[in-house]
Amino acid sequence: FFFQASNPGQFENDSDVLWQRGHVPETIVCHGRVGINTDAPDEALVVCGNAKIMGRVMHPSDSRAKQNVREVDTNEQLRRITQMRLVEYDYKPEFASVMGIKNT
């Protein structure tokens, strides 16, 4: 993507409506899906290739987002695990080819 800003918050391309300057300084907001190395993103952000992150990535499973972490009864948890349904699967060929997955 290449954007040429002519006026603050305005971009000259086919998707002018989707992009705007954010309320927080130095931010841009996209009202739609963003694809990097793909022209058919099926999620809010799809990166086909490697991503280099020079900061933190926060995820709901991140320990920094949790509190009151405590040990649980191991025997009870093992009993619950034995009730889980375990499966094997193959990716659909059309999904694997789009995602660059060779070993389906």
C-alpha atoms as a PDB file:
ATOM      1  CA  PHE A   1       0.000   0.000   0.000  1.00  0.00           C
ATOM      2  CA  PHE A   2       1.215   3.494  -0.771  1.00  0.00           C
ATOM      3  CA  PHE A   3      -0.688   6.487   0.537  1.00  0.00           C
ATOM      4  CA  GLN A   4      -0.121  10.051  -0.477  1.00  0.00           C
ATOM      5  CA  ALA A   5      -1.613  12.489   2.011  1.00  0.00           C
ATOM      6  CA  SER A   6      -2.812  15.724   0.457  1.00  0.00           C
ATOM      7  CA  ASN A   7      -4.785  16.980   3.430  1.00  0.00           C
ATOM      8  CA  PRO A   8      -4.581  15.772   7.035  1.00  0.00           C
ATOM      9  CA  GLY A   9      -6.802  12.722   7.297  1.00  0.00           C
ATOM     10  CA  GLN A  10      -7.297  12.426   3.528  1.00  0.00           C
ATOM     11  CA  PHE A  11      -5.698   9.801   1.288  1.00  0.00           C
ATOM     12  CA  GLU A  12      -5.651   9.677  -2.481  1.00  0.00           C
ATOM     13  CA  ASN A  13      -6.500   6.126  -3.519  1.00  0.00           C
ATOM     14  CA  ASP A  14      -9.458   3.862  -4.212  1.00  0.00           C
ATOM     15  CA  SER A  15     -10.276   3.348  -0.543  1.00  0.00           C
ATOM     16  CA  ASP A  16     -10.471   6.954   0.719  1.00  0.00           C
ATOM     17  CA  VAL A  17     -13.525   6.123   2.806  1.00  0.00           C
ATOM     18  CA  LEU A  18     -11.817   3.303   4.713  1.00  0.00           C
ATOM     19  CA  TRP A  19      -8.844   5.272   6.091  1.00  0.00           C
ATOM     20  CA  GLN A  20      -8.847   8.314   8.344  1.00  0.00           C
ATOM     21  CA  ARG A  21      -6.594  10.028  10.853  1.00  0.00           C
ATOM     22  CA  GLY A  22      -7.141   8.674  14.372  1.00  0.00           C
ATOM     23  CA  HIS A  23      -8.122  10.672  17.442  1.00  0.00           C
ATOM     24  CA  VAL A  24      -4.789   9.856  19.079  1.00  0.00           C
ATOM     25  CA  PRO A  25      -1.754  11.638  17.570  1.00  0.00           C
ATOM     26  CA  GLU A  26       0.188   9.693  14.927  1.00  0.00           C
ATOM     27  CA  THR A  27      -2.552   7.096  14.355  1.00  0.00           C
ATOM     28  CA  ILE A  28      -4.468   6.015  11.269  1.00  0.00           C
ATOM     29  CA  VAL A  29      -7.756   4.129  11.469  1.00  0.00           C
ATOM     30  CA  CYS A  30      -8.902   1.623   8.873  1.00  0.00           C
ATOM     31  CA  HIS A  31     -12.629   0.864   8.705  1.00  0.00           C
ATOM     32  CA  GLY A  32     -12.322  -2.500   7.018  1.00  0.00           C
ATOM     33  CA  ARG A  33      -9.808  -5.305   6.549  1.00  0.00           C
ATOM     34  CA  VAL A  34      -6.085  -4.833   5.930  1.00  0.00           C
ATOM     35  CA  GLY A  35      -4.017  -7.285   3.904  1.00  0.00           C
ATOM     36  CA  ILE A  36      -0.235  -7.318   3.646  1.00  0.00           C
ATOM     37  CA  ASN A  37       0.976  -9.412   0.690  1.00  0.00           C
ATOM     38  CA  THR A  38      -2.627 -10.416   0.013  1.00  0.00           C
ATOM     39  CA  ASP A  39      -5.500  -8.703  -1.733  1.00  0.00           C
ATOM     40  CA  ALA A  40      -8.130 -10.872  -0.033  1.00  0.00           C
ATOM     41  CA  PRO A  41      -7.825 -10.489   3.758  1.00  0.00           C
ATOM     42  CA  ASP A  42     -10.483 -12.504   5.588  1.00  0.00           C
ATOM     43  CA  GLU A  43      -9.754 -11.034   9.040  1.00  0.00           C
ATOM     44  CA  ALA A  44      -9.157  -7.504  10.370  1.00  0.00           C
ATOM     45  CA  LEU A  45      -5.413  -7.902   9.650  1.00  0.00           C
ATOM     46  CA  VAL A  46      -3.845 -10.620   7.512  1.00  0.00           C
ATOM     47  CA  VAL A  47      -0.074 -10.757   7.020  1.00  0.00           C
ATOM     48  CA  CYS A  48       1.126 -13.268   4.430  1.00  0.00           C
ATOM     49  CA  GLY A  49       4.805 -13.490   5.273  1.00  0.00           C
ATOM     50  CA  ASN A  50       6.972 -12.787   8.270  1.00  0.00           C
ATOM     51  CA  ALA A  51       6.185  -9.966  10.682  1.00  0.00           C
ATOM     52  CA  LYS A  52       8.848  -8.193  12.716  1.00  0.00           C
ATOM     53  CA  ILE A  53       7.600  -6.625  15.931  1.00  0.00           C
ATOM     54  CA  MET A  54       9.872  -4.209  17.748  1.00  0.00           C
ATOM     55  CA  GLY A  55       7.601  -3.878  20.768  1.00  0.00           C
ATOM     56  CA  ARG A  56       5.137  -5.899  22.793  1.00  0.00           C
ATOM     57  CA  VAL A  57       2.223  -7.968  21.576  1.00  0.00           C
ATOM     58  CA  MET A  58      -0.575  -8.173  24.109  1.00  0.00           C
ATOM     59  CA  HIS A  59      -2.874 -11.188  23.953  1.00  0.00           C
ATOM     60  CA  PRO A  60      -5.659 -12.220  26.349  1.00  0.00           C
ATOM     61  CA  SER A  61      -3.568 -15.231  27.356  1.00  0.00           C
ATOM     62  CA  ASP A  62      -0.604 -12.988  28.246  1.00  0.00           C
ATOM     63  CA  SER A  63       0.379 -13.257  31.925  1.00  0.00           C
ATOM     64  CA  ARG A  64       0.525  -9.452  32.104  1.00  0.00           C
ATOM     65  CA  ALA A  65      -3.259  -9.389  31.578  1.00  0.00           C
ATOM     66  CA  LYS A  66      -4.072 -11.776  34.452  1.00  0.00           C
ATOM     67  CA  GLN A  67      -4.417 -11.577  38.197  1.00  0.00           C
ATOM     68  CA  ASN A  68      -5.329 -14.018  40.989  1.00  0.00           C
ATOM     69  CA  VAL A  69      -3.369 -16.844  39.300  1.00  0.00           C
ATOM     70  CA  ARG A  70      -3.427 -19.934  41.538  1.00  0.00           C
ATOM     71  CA  GLU A  71      -2.653 -23.636  41.401  1.00  0.00           C
ATOM     72  CA  VAL A  72      -5.482 -26.086  40.694  1.00  0.00           C
ATOM     73  CA  ASP A  73      -6.160 -29.687  41.706  1.00  0.00           C
ATOM     74  CA  THR A  74      -4.109 -31.731  39.224  1.00  0.00           C
ATOM     75  CA  ASN A  75      -6.249 -34.882  39.571  1.00  0.00           C
ATOM     76  CA  GLU A  76      -9.428 -32.945  38.792  1.00  0.00           C
ATOM     77  CA  GLN A  77      -7.823 -31.325  35.750  1.00  0.00           C
ATOM     78  CA  LEU A  78      -6.566 -34.696  34.425  1.00  0.00           C
ATOM     79  CA  ARG A  79     -10.101 -36.090  34.795  1.00  0.00           C
ATOM     80  CA  ARG A  80     -11.424 -33.158  32.757  1.00  0.00           C
ATOM     81  CA  ILE A  81      -8.740 -33.666  30.081  1.00  0.00           C
ATOM     82  CA  THR A  82      -9.779 -37.304  29.609  1.00  0.00           C
ATOM     83  CA  GLN A  83     -13.263 -36.036  28.705  1.00  0.00           C
ATOM     84  CA  MET A  84     -11.917 -33.824  25.893  1.00  0.00           C
ATOM     85  CA  ARG A  85     -12.512 -34.735  22.259  1.00  0.00           C
ATOM     86  CA  LEU A  86      -9.147 -35.026  20.463  1.00  0.00           C
ATOM     87  CA  VAL A  87      -9.049 -34.831  16.658  1.00  0.00           C
ATOM     88  CA  GLU A  88      -6.641 -34.853  13.722  1.00  0.00           C
ATOM     89  CA  TYR A  89      -7.379 -32.935  10.535  1.00  0.00           C
ATOM     90  CA  ASP A  90      -6.116 -31.845   7.126  1.00  0.00           C
ATOM     91  CA  TYR A  91      -6.460 -28.290   5.842  1.00  0.00           C
ATOM     92  CA  LYS A  92      -8.750 -27.792   2.871  1.00  0.00           C
ATOM     93  CA  PRO A  93      -6.581 -27.386  -0.265  1.00  0.00           C
ATOM     94  CA  GLU A  94      -8.003 -23.943  -1.116  1.00  0.00           C
ATOM     95  CA  PHE A  95      -7.196 -22.652   2.396  1.00  0.00           C
ATOM     96  CA  ALA A  96      -3.719 -24.193   2.411  1.00  0.00           C
ATOM     97  CA  SER A  97      -2.802 -22.644  -0.949  1.00  0.00           C
ATOM     98  CA  VAL A  98      -3.996 -19.157   0.061  1.00  0.00           C
ATOM     99  CA  MET A  99      -2.137 -19.365   3.394  1.00  0.00           C
ATOM    100  CA  GLY A 100       1.032 -20.820   1.865  1.00  0.00           C
ATOM    101  CA  ILE A 101       0.756 -24.064   3.867  1.00  0.00           C
ATOM    102  CA  LYS A 102       2.602 -26.882   2.139  1.00  0.00           C
ATOM    103  CA  ASN A 103       2.119 -29.712   4.665  1.00  0.00           C
ATOM    104  CA  THR A 104      -1.657 -29.924   5.004  1.00  0.00           C
END
